[in-house]
C-alpha atoms as a PDB file:
ATOM      1  CA  MET A   1      -1.863   1.917  37.049  1.00  0.00           C
ATOM      2  CA  THR A   2      -2.072   2.250  40.873  1.00  0.00           C
ATOM      3  CA  LEU A   3      -4.825   4.031  42.672  1.00  0.00           C
ATOM      4  CA  GLN A   4      -2.835   7.313  43.283  1.00  0.00           C
ATOM      5  CA  TRP A   5      -1.784   7.628  39.660  1.00  0.00           C
ATOM      6  CA  THR A   6      -5.241   6.882  38.468  1.00  0.00           C
ATOM      7  CA  ALA A   7      -6.482   9.762  40.624  1.00  0.00           C
ATOM      8  CA  VAL A   8      -3.685  12.016  39.200  1.00  0.00           C
ATOM      9  CA  ALA A   9      -4.617  11.110  35.628  1.00  0.00           C
ATOM     10  CA  THR A  10      -8.340  11.752  36.388  1.00  0.00           C
ATOM     11  CA  PHE A  11      -7.305  15.148  37.822  1.00  0.00           C
ATOM     12  CA  LEU A  12      -5.289  15.940  34.646  1.00  0.00           C
ATOM     13  CA  TYR A  13      -8.227  15.158  32.422  1.00  0.00           C
ATOM     14  CA  ILE A  14     -10.556  17.344  34.519  1.00  0.00           C
ATOM     15  CA  GLU A  15      -7.973  20.219  34.362  1.00  0.00           C
ATOM     16  CA  ILE A  16      -7.925  19.944  30.483  1.00  0.00           C
ATOM     17  CA  GLY A  17     -11.730  19.944  30.313  1.00  0.00           C
ATOM     18  CA  ILE A  18     -12.045  22.941  32.578  1.00  0.00           C
ATOM     19  CA  LEU A  19      -9.407  24.983  30.584  1.00  0.00           C
ATOM     20  CA  LEU A  20     -10.975  24.081  27.278  1.00  0.00           C
ATOM     21  CA  PHE A  21     -14.341  25.231  28.701  1.00  0.00           C
ATOM     22  CA  LEU A  22     -12.863  28.519  29.931  1.00  0.00           C
ATOM     23  CA  CYS A  23     -11.283  29.215  26.508  1.00  0.00           C
ATOM     24  CA  LEU A  24     -14.617  28.943  24.626  1.00  0.00           C
ATOM     25  CA  PRO A  25     -14.896  32.080  22.634  1.00  0.00           C
ATOM     26  CA  PHE A  26     -18.628  32.576  22.906  1.00  0.00           C
ATOM     27  CA  ILE A  27     -18.744  32.767  26.761  1.00  0.00           C
ATOM     28  CA  SER A  28     -17.600  36.395  27.611  1.00  0.00           C
ATOM     29  CA  ALA A  29     -15.505  37.247  30.746  1.00  0.00           C
ATOM     30  CA  VAL A  30     -18.478  39.165  32.191  1.00  0.00           C
ATOM     31  CA  ARG A  31     -20.566  36.033  32.042  1.00  0.00           C
ATOM     32  CA  TRP A  32     -17.790  33.943  33.719  1.00  0.00           C
ATOM     33  CA  GLN A  33     -17.689  36.695  36.374  1.00  0.00           C
ATOM     34  CA  LYS A  34     -21.351  36.123  36.993  1.00  0.00           C
ATOM     35  CA  ILE A  35     -20.834  32.449  37.304  1.00  0.00           C
ATOM     36  CA  PHE A  36     -17.957  33.013  39.739  1.00  0.00           C
ATOM     37  CA  ARG A  37     -20.196  35.221  41.914  1.00  0.00           C
ATOM     38  CA  PHE A  38     -22.554  32.325  42.681  1.00  0.00           C
ATOM     39  CA  ARG A  39     -23.051  31.609  46.437  1.00  0.00           C
ATOM     40  CA  ILE A  40     -21.391  28.272  46.265  1.00  0.00           C
ATOM     41  CA  TRP A  41     -18.096  29.989  45.291  1.00  0.00           C
ATOM     42  CA  GLU A  42     -18.459  32.323  48.329  1.00  0.00           C
ATOM     43  CA  CYS A  43     -18.541  29.189  50.512  1.00  0.00           C
ATOM     44  CA  ILE A  44     -15.494  27.721  48.917  1.00  0.00           C
ATOM     45  CA  ALA A  45     -13.447  30.899  48.786  1.00  0.00           C
ATOM     46  CA  PRO A  46     -12.119  30.749  52.402  1.00  0.00           C
ATOM     47  CA  TYR A  47     -10.566  27.374  51.782  1.00  0.00           C
ATOM     48  CA  TRP A  48      -9.471  28.026  48.180  1.00  0.00           C
ATOM     49  CA  ASN A  49      -5.853  29.204  48.948  1.00  0.00           C
ATOM     50  CA  LYS A  50      -5.244  26.357  51.293  1.00  0.00           C
ATOM     51  CA  GLY A  51      -6.590  23.718  48.852  1.00  0.00           C
ATOM     52  CA  PHE A  52      -4.552  25.318  46.001  1.00  0.00           C
ATOM     53  CA  LEU A  53      -1.301  25.104  48.011  1.00  0.00           C
ATOM     54  CA  THR A  54      -2.046  21.644  49.281  1.00  0.00           C
ATOM     55  CA  MET A  55      -2.649  20.379  45.688  1.00  0.00           C
ATOM     56  CA  ILE A  56       0.602  21.963  44.492  1.00  0.00           C
ATOM     57  CA  ILE A  57       2.604  20.260  47.291  1.00  0.00           C
ATOM     58  CA  VAL A  58       1.029  16.879  46.488  1.00  0.00           C
ATOM     59  CA  LEU A  59       1.713  17.233  42.734  1.00  0.00           C
ATOM     60  CA  ILE A  60       5.353  18.277  43.515  1.00  0.00           C
ATOM     61  CA  VAL A  61       5.837  15.327  45.734  1.00  0.00           C
ATOM     62  CA  LEU A  62       4.474  12.941  43.037  1.00  0.00           C
ATOM     63  CA  PHE A  63       6.536  14.678  40.342  1.00  0.00           C
ATOM     64  CA  ILE A  64       9.738  14.223  42.444  1.00  0.00           C
ATOM     65  CA  ASP A  65       8.881  10.588  43.038  1.00  0.00           C
ATOM     66  CA  ALA A  66       8.307   9.970  39.335  1.00  0.00           C
ATOM     67  CA  VAL A  67      11.713  11.637  38.543  1.00  0.00           C
ATOM     68  CA  ARG A  68      13.299   9.398  41.178  1.00  0.00           C
ATOM     69  CA  GLU A  69      11.730   6.326  39.643  1.00  0.00           C
ATOM     70  CA  VAL A  70      12.827   7.226  36.096  1.00  0.00           C
ATOM     71  CA  ARG A  71      16.420   7.680  37.192  1.00  0.00           C
ATOM     72  CA  LYS A  72      16.237   4.574  39.136  1.00  0.00           C
ATOM     73  CA  TYR A  73      15.209   2.380  36.167  1.00  0.00           C
ATOM     74  CA  SER A  74      17.384   4.175  33.537  1.00  0.00           C
ATOM     75  CA  GLY A  75      20.585   4.273  35.588  1.00  0.00           C
ATOM     76  CA  ALA A  76      23.821   2.320  35.084  1.00  0.00           C
ATOM     77  CA  GLU A  77      22.983  -0.098  37.925  1.00  0.00           C
ATOM     78  CA  ALA A  78      19.677  -1.130  36.246  1.00  0.00           C
ATOM     79  CA  ASN A  79      21.597  -1.741  32.957  1.00  0.00           C
ATOM     80  CA  LYS A  80      24.125  -3.960  34.767  1.00  0.00           C
ATOM     81  CA  GLU A  81      21.346  -5.935  36.429  1.00  0.00           C
ATOM     82  CA  THR A  82      19.765  -6.658  32.966  1.00  0.00           C
ATOM     83  CA  LYS A  83      23.046  -7.854  31.633  1.00  0.00           C
ATOM     84  CA  LEU A  84      23.400 -10.207  34.525  1.00  0.00           C
ATOM     85  CA  HIS A  85      19.864 -11.352  34.264  1.00  0.00           C
ATOM     86  CA  PRO A  86      18.662 -11.126  30.678  1.00  0.00           C
ATOM     87  CA  ASN A  87      15.142 -12.228  31.590  1.00  0.00           C
ATOM     88  CA  MET A  88      14.666  -8.994  33.579  1.00  0.00           C
ATOM     89  CA  PHE A  89      15.068  -6.804  30.425  1.00  0.00           C
ATOM     90  CA  ASP A  90      11.426  -6.641  29.515  1.00  0.00           C
ATOM     91  CA  HIS A  91      10.374  -6.170  33.167  1.00  0.00           C
ATOM     92  CA  LEU A  92      12.826  -3.350  33.667  1.00  0.00           C
ATOM     93  CA  HIS A  93      11.670  -1.426  30.595  1.00  0.00           C
ATOM     94  CA  MET A  94       8.093  -1.922  31.697  1.00  0.00           C
ATOM     95  CA  LYS A  95       8.920  -0.234  34.978  1.00  0.00           C
ATOM     96  CA  LEU A  96      10.848   2.485  33.089  1.00  0.00           C
ATOM     97  CA  PHE A  97       7.751   3.065  30.870  1.00  0.00           C
ATOM     98  CA  ARG A  98       5.427   3.395  33.872  1.00  0.00           C
ATOM     99  CA  ALA A  99       7.867   5.818  35.612  1.00  0.00           C
ATOM    100  CA  GLN A 100       7.933   8.040  32.529  1.00  0.00           C
ATOM    101  CA  ARG A 101       4.144   7.923  32.143  1.00  0.00           C
ATOM    102  CA  ASN A 102       3.827   8.944  35.727  1.00  0.00           C
ATOM    103  CA  LEU A 103       6.377  11.739  35.184  1.00  0.00           C
ATOM    104  CA  TYR A 104       4.360  13.229  32.299  1.00  0.00           C
ATOM    105  CA  ILE A 105       1.093  12.995  34.145  1.00  0.00           C
ATOM    106  CA  SER A 106       2.318  14.614  37.364  1.00  0.00           C
ATOM    107  CA  GLY A 107       4.252  17.250  35.505  1.00  0.00           C
ATOM    108  CA  PHE A 108       1.393  18.284  33.250  1.00  0.00           C
ATOM    109  CA  SER A 109      -1.003  18.156  36.181  1.00  0.00           C
ATOM    110  CA  LEU A 110       1.137  20.527  38.146  1.00  0.00           C
ATOM    111  CA  PHE A 111       1.563  22.981  35.192  1.00  0.00           C
ATOM    112  CA  LEU A 112      -2.062  23.009  34.219  1.00  0.00           C
ATOM    113  CA  TRP A 113      -3.045  23.680  37.927  1.00  0.00           C
ATOM    114  CA  LEU A 114      -0.967  26.686  37.991  1.00  0.00           C
ATOM    115  CA  MET A 115      -2.275  27.773  34.585  1.00  0.00           C
ATOM    116  CA  LEU A 116      -5.877  27.272  35.637  1.00  0.00           C
ATOM    117  CA  ARG A 117      -5.439  29.754  38.531  1.00  0.00           C
ATOM    118  CA  ARG A 118      -3.771  32.239  36.219  1.00  0.00           C
ATOM    119  CA  VAL A 119      -6.619  31.975  33.624  1.00  0.00           C
ATOM    120  CA  VAL A 120      -9.283  32.513  36.204  1.00  0.00           C
ATOM    121  CA  THR A 121      -7.494  35.507  37.537  1.00  0.00           C
ATOM    122  CA  LEU A 122      -7.151  37.057  34.148  1.00  0.00           C
ATOM    123  CA  ILE A 123     -10.856  36.406  33.313  1.00  0.00           C
ATOM    124  CA  THR A 124     -11.834  38.086  36.591  1.00  0.00           C
ATOM    125  CA  LEU A 125      -9.655  41.081  35.962  1.00  0.00           C
ATOM    126  CA  LEU A 126     -10.901  41.434  32.388  1.00  0.00           C
ATOM    127  CA  ALA A 127     -14.474  41.209  33.494  1.00  0.00           C
ATOM    128  CA  ASN A 128     -13.905  43.951  36.160  1.00  0.00           C
ATOM    129  CA  THR A 129     -12.186  46.131  33.599  1.00  0.00           C
ATOM    130  CA  GLN A 130     -14.985  45.782  31.092  1.00  0.00           C
ATOM    131  CA  GLU A 131     -17.597  46.653  33.743  1.00  0.00           C
ATOM    132  CA  THR A 132     -15.547  49.671  34.832  1.00  0.00           C
ATOM    133  CA  ARG A 133     -15.335  50.754  31.176  1.00  0.00           C
ATOM    134  CA  HIS A 134     -19.096  50.360  30.731  1.00  0.00           C
ATOM    135  CA  VAL A 135     -19.716  52.564  33.856  1.00  0.00           C
ATOM    136  CA  LEU A 136     -17.339  55.161  32.736  1.00  0.00           C
ATOM    137  CA  LYS A 137     -18.726  55.263  29.237  1.00  0.00           C
ATOM    138  CA  THR A 138     -22.311  55.725  30.653  1.00  0.00           C
ATOM    139  CA  GLN A 139     -21.080  58.556  32.888  1.00  0.00           C
ATOM    140  CA  ALA A 140     -19.385  60.244  29.903  1.00  0.00           C
ATOM    141  CA  GLU A 141     -22.452  60.044  27.839  1.00  0.00           C
ATOM    142  CA  MET A 142     -24.484  61.534  30.622  1.00  0.00           C
ATOM    143  CA  SER A 143     -22.099  64.352  31.106  1.00  0.00           C
ATOM    144  CA  GLU A 144     -22.143  65.104  27.400  1.00  0.00           C
ATOM    145  CA  GLU A 145     -25.984  65.259  27.397  1.00  0.00           C
ATOM    146  CA  ALA A 146     -25.913  67.605  30.473  1.00  0.00           C
ATOM    147  CA  ILE A 147     -23.342  69.853  28.865  1.00  0.00           C
ATOM    148  CA  LYS A 148     -25.353  70.018  25.632  1.00  0.00           C
ATOM    149  CA  LYS A 149     -28.422  70.920  27.688  1.00  0.00           C
ATOM    150  CA  TYR A 150     -26.727  73.705  29.465  1.00  0.00           C
ATOM    151  CA  LYS A 151     -25.173  75.036  26.371  1.00  0.00           C
ATOM    152  CA  GLU A 152     -28.619  75.303  24.795  1.00  0.00           C
ATOM    153  CA  GLU A 153     -30.003  77.079  27.847  1.00  0.00           C
ATOM    154  CA  ASN A 154     -27.013  79.466  27.853  1.00  0.00           C
ATOM    155  CA  GLU A 155     -27.536  80.240  24.223  1.00  0.00           C
ATOM    156  CA  TYR A 156     -31.203  80.841  24.771  1.00  0.00           C
ATOM    157  CA  LEU A 157     -30.453  83.288  27.667  1.00  0.00           C
ATOM    158  CA  ARG A 158     -27.827  85.137  25.587  1.00  0.00           C
ATOM    159  CA  LYS A 159     -30.249  85.705  22.745  1.00  0.00           C
ATOM    160  CA  THR A 160     -32.878  86.926  25.370  1.00  0.00           C
ATOM    161  CA  LEU A 161     -30.302  89.492  26.685  1.00  0.00           C
ATOM    162  CA  GLU A 162     -29.620  90.647  23.166  1.00  0.00           C
ATOM    163  CA  ILE A 163     -33.195  91.401  22.311  1.00  0.00           C
ATOM    164  CA  GLY A 164     -33.692  93.278  25.591  1.00  0.00           C
ATOM    165  CA  LYS A 165     -36.346  91.167  27.158  1.00  0.00           C
ATOM    166  CA  VAL A 166     -34.234  90.979  30.313  1.00  0.00           C
ATOM    167  CA  THR A 167     -31.929  93.724  31.620  1.00  0.00           C
ATOM    168  CA  VAL A 168     -28.345  93.180  32.878  1.00  0.00           C
ATOM    169  CA  ARG A 169     -29.349  94.884  36.058  1.00  0.00           C
ATOM    170  CA  ASP A 170     -31.568  92.027  37.075  1.00  0.00           C
ATOM    171  CA  THR A 171     -29.334  90.681  39.824  1.00  0.00           C
ATOM    172  CA  ASN A 172     -31.120  87.336  40.169  1.00  0.00           C
ATOM    173  CA  PHE A 173     -30.878  86.502  36.537  1.00  0.00           C
ATOM    174  CA  VAL A 174     -27.107  87.393  36.457  1.00  0.00           C
ATOM    175  CA  ALA A 175     -26.433  85.160  39.415  1.00  0.00           C
ATOM    176  CA  GLU A 176     -28.286  82.359  37.890  1.00  0.00           C
ATOM    177  CA  HIS A 177     -26.426  82.837  34.615  1.00  0.00           C
ATOM    178  CA  ASN A 178     -23.091  82.832  36.382  1.00  0.00           C
ATOM    179  CA  MET A 179     -24.081  79.719  38.370  1.00  0.00           C
ATOM    180  CA  MET A 180     -24.964  77.940  35.149  1.00  0.00           C
ATOM    181  CA  LYS A 181     -21.677  78.842  33.638  1.00  0.00           C
ATOM    182  CA  ASN A 182     -19.805  77.417  36.594  1.00  0.00           C
ATOM    183  CA  GLU A 183     -21.764  74.219  36.343  1.00  0.00           C
ATOM    184  CA  VAL A 184     -20.935  73.963  32.698  1.00  0.00           C
ATOM    185  CA  GLU A 185     -17.227  74.378  33.480  1.00  0.00           C
ATOM    186  CA  GLU A 186     -17.437  71.750  36.248  1.00  0.00           C
ATOM    187  CA  LEU A 187     -19.171  69.303  33.841  1.00  0.00           C
ATOM    188  CA  LYS A 188     -16.548  69.848  31.243  1.00  0.00           C
ATOM    189  CA  THR A 189     -13.783  69.055  33.681  1.00  0.00           C
ATOM    190  CA  GLU A 190     -15.698  65.935  34.897  1.00  0.00           C
ATOM    191  CA  LEU A 191     -16.093  64.943  31.189  1.00  0.00           C
ATOM    192  CA  GLU A 192     -12.345  65.206  30.602  1.00  0.00           C
ATOM    193  CA  LYS A 193     -11.550  63.160  33.705  1.00  0.00           C
ATOM    194  CA  THR A 194     -14.076  60.502  32.632  1.00  0.00           C
ATOM    195  CA  SER A 195     -12.716  60.434  29.156  1.00  0.00           C
ATOM    196  CA  GLN A 196      -9.116  59.877  30.449  1.00  0.00           C
ATOM    197  CA  ALA A 197     -10.282  57.094  32.783  1.00  0.00           C
ATOM    198  CA  LEU A 198     -12.164  55.503  29.796  1.00  0.00           C
ATOM    199  CA  LYS A 199      -9.030  55.547  27.689  1.00  0.00           C
ATOM    200  CA  LYS A 200      -6.956  54.090  30.515  1.00  0.00           C
ATOM    201  CA  SER A 201      -9.613  51.337  31.087  1.00  0.00           C
ATOM    202  CA  THR A 202      -9.654  50.543  27.301  1.00  0.00           C
ATOM    203  CA  ALA A 203      -5.821  50.214  27.323  1.00  0.00           C
ATOM    204  CA  ASP A 204      -5.948  47.852  30.254  1.00  0.00           C
ATOM    205  CA  SER A 205      -8.597  45.872  28.640  1.00  0.00           C
ATOM    206  CA  GLU A 206      -6.474  45.466  25.578  1.00  0.00           C
ATOM    207  CA  VAL A 207      -3.454  44.396  27.500  1.00  0.00           C
ATOM    208  CA  ILE A 208      -5.496  41.789  29.425  1.00  0.00           C
ATOM    209  CA  ARG A 209      -6.931  40.457  26.117  1.00  0.00           C
ATOM    210  CA  MET A 210      -3.458  40.051  24.636  1.00  0.00           C
ATOM    211  CA  GLU A 211      -2.240  38.186  27.745  1.00  0.00           C
ATOM    212  CA  THR A 212      -5.236  35.935  27.593  1.00  0.00           C
ATOM    213  CA  HIS A 213      -4.545  35.314  23.844  1.00  0.00           C
ATOM    214  CA  ASN A 214      -0.964  34.430  24.634  1.00  0.00           C
ATOM    215  CA  ILE A 215      -1.903  32.031  27.401  1.00  0.00           C
ATOM    216  CA  THR A 216      -4.404  30.305  25.103  1.00  0.00           C
ATOM    217  CA  ARG A 217      -1.821  29.935  22.350  1.00  0.00           C
ATOM    218  CA  GLU A 218       0.771  28.584  24.893  1.00  0.00           C
ATOM    219  CA  TYR A 219      -1.929  26.121  26.109  1.00  0.00           C
ATOM    220  CA  ASP A 220      -2.562  24.879  22.622  1.00  0.00           C
ATOM    221  CA  ARG A 221       1.236  24.389  22.077  1.00  0.00           C
ATOM    222  CA  LEU A 222       1.500  22.399  25.242  1.00  0.00           C
ATOM    223  CA  LEU A 223      -1.390  20.150  24.215  1.00  0.00           C
ATOM    224  CA  VAL A 224       0.418  19.436  20.996  1.00  0.00           C
ATOM    225  CA  GLU A 225       3.659  18.591  22.867  1.00  0.00           C
ATOM    226  CA  TYR A 226       1.675  16.407  25.231  1.00  0.00           C
ATOM    227  CA  ALA A 227       0.104  14.555  22.344  1.00  0.00           C
ATOM    228  CA  LYS A 228       3.535  14.051  20.827  1.00  0.00           C
ATOM    229  CA  LEU A 229       4.933  12.736  24.174  1.00  0.00           C
ATOM    230  CA  GLN A 230       1.927  10.454  24.560  1.00  0.00           C
ATOM    231  CA  ASN A 231       2.512   9.116  21.028  1.00  0.00           C
ATOM    232  CA  GLN A 232       6.160   8.433  21.859  1.00  0.00           C
ATOM    233  CA  VAL A 233       5.208   6.570  25.003  1.00  0.00           C
ATOM    234  CA  GLU A 234       2.653   4.491  23.114  1.00  0.00           C
ATOM    235  CA  GLU A 235       5.199   3.716  20.402  1.00  0.00           C
ATOM    236  CA  LYS A 236       7.709   2.535  23.060  1.00  0.00           C
ATOM    237  CA  SER A 237       5.019   0.476  24.644  1.00  0.00           C
ATOM    238  CA  ASP A 238       4.152  -1.202  21.321  1.00  0.00           C
ATOM    239  CA  LYS A 239       7.820  -1.942  20.586  1.00  0.00           C
ATOM    240  CA  LYS A 240       8.050  -3.532  24.112  1.00  0.00           C
ATOM    241  CA  ALA A 241       4.931  -5.445  23.494  1.00  0.00           C
ATOM    242  CA  GLN A 242       6.373  -6.835  20.249  1.00  0.00           C
END
């Protein structure tokens, strides 16, 4: 294996390791979000898009080159050449095996590179949604406590009016009572808005969780297919060696 294909294969193994690490169930999205907020990632962020696009271009070029090599050694001209020179049969199939191996390596590297970016984006989005949901839940609980407190005070004032300790003519008390009623109404409105936002955040979190589950399942399926292809390549290599 040449130096460039050794580098691509190493890059593929690193991608597989990172994706497996990101899919660990005991590390939550919020914890990954904290890791992504380290200062080192802030230094890399300005160059991330350029590096991502550059790597895509390099992998596409290598993939196209591997396709060209496979077509070159599996075409009609190559078969004619082996018929004219029988001693070249093993050499030609060795070249074809290497071209197919390079095709699999570059193709899976390109696919996992795109999947890695998508998984990181979904994890970040899920973490932001969970944080927003927690904030909205806290605000809703605080609003409920405030409403409960104002209701208790309102009930106490109503009972005080009934037993005649305070007359209705007391203008300051009436104004304070009306102000408290308005505050209670405002808190009810705010609680309804917060509850709606919390429901929406919960729905968004569920959608993101389903997308992450689907991506993980697709990734597992691709690993199985990659293992099958690797076994086929090894079987071909063993047959050629025999």
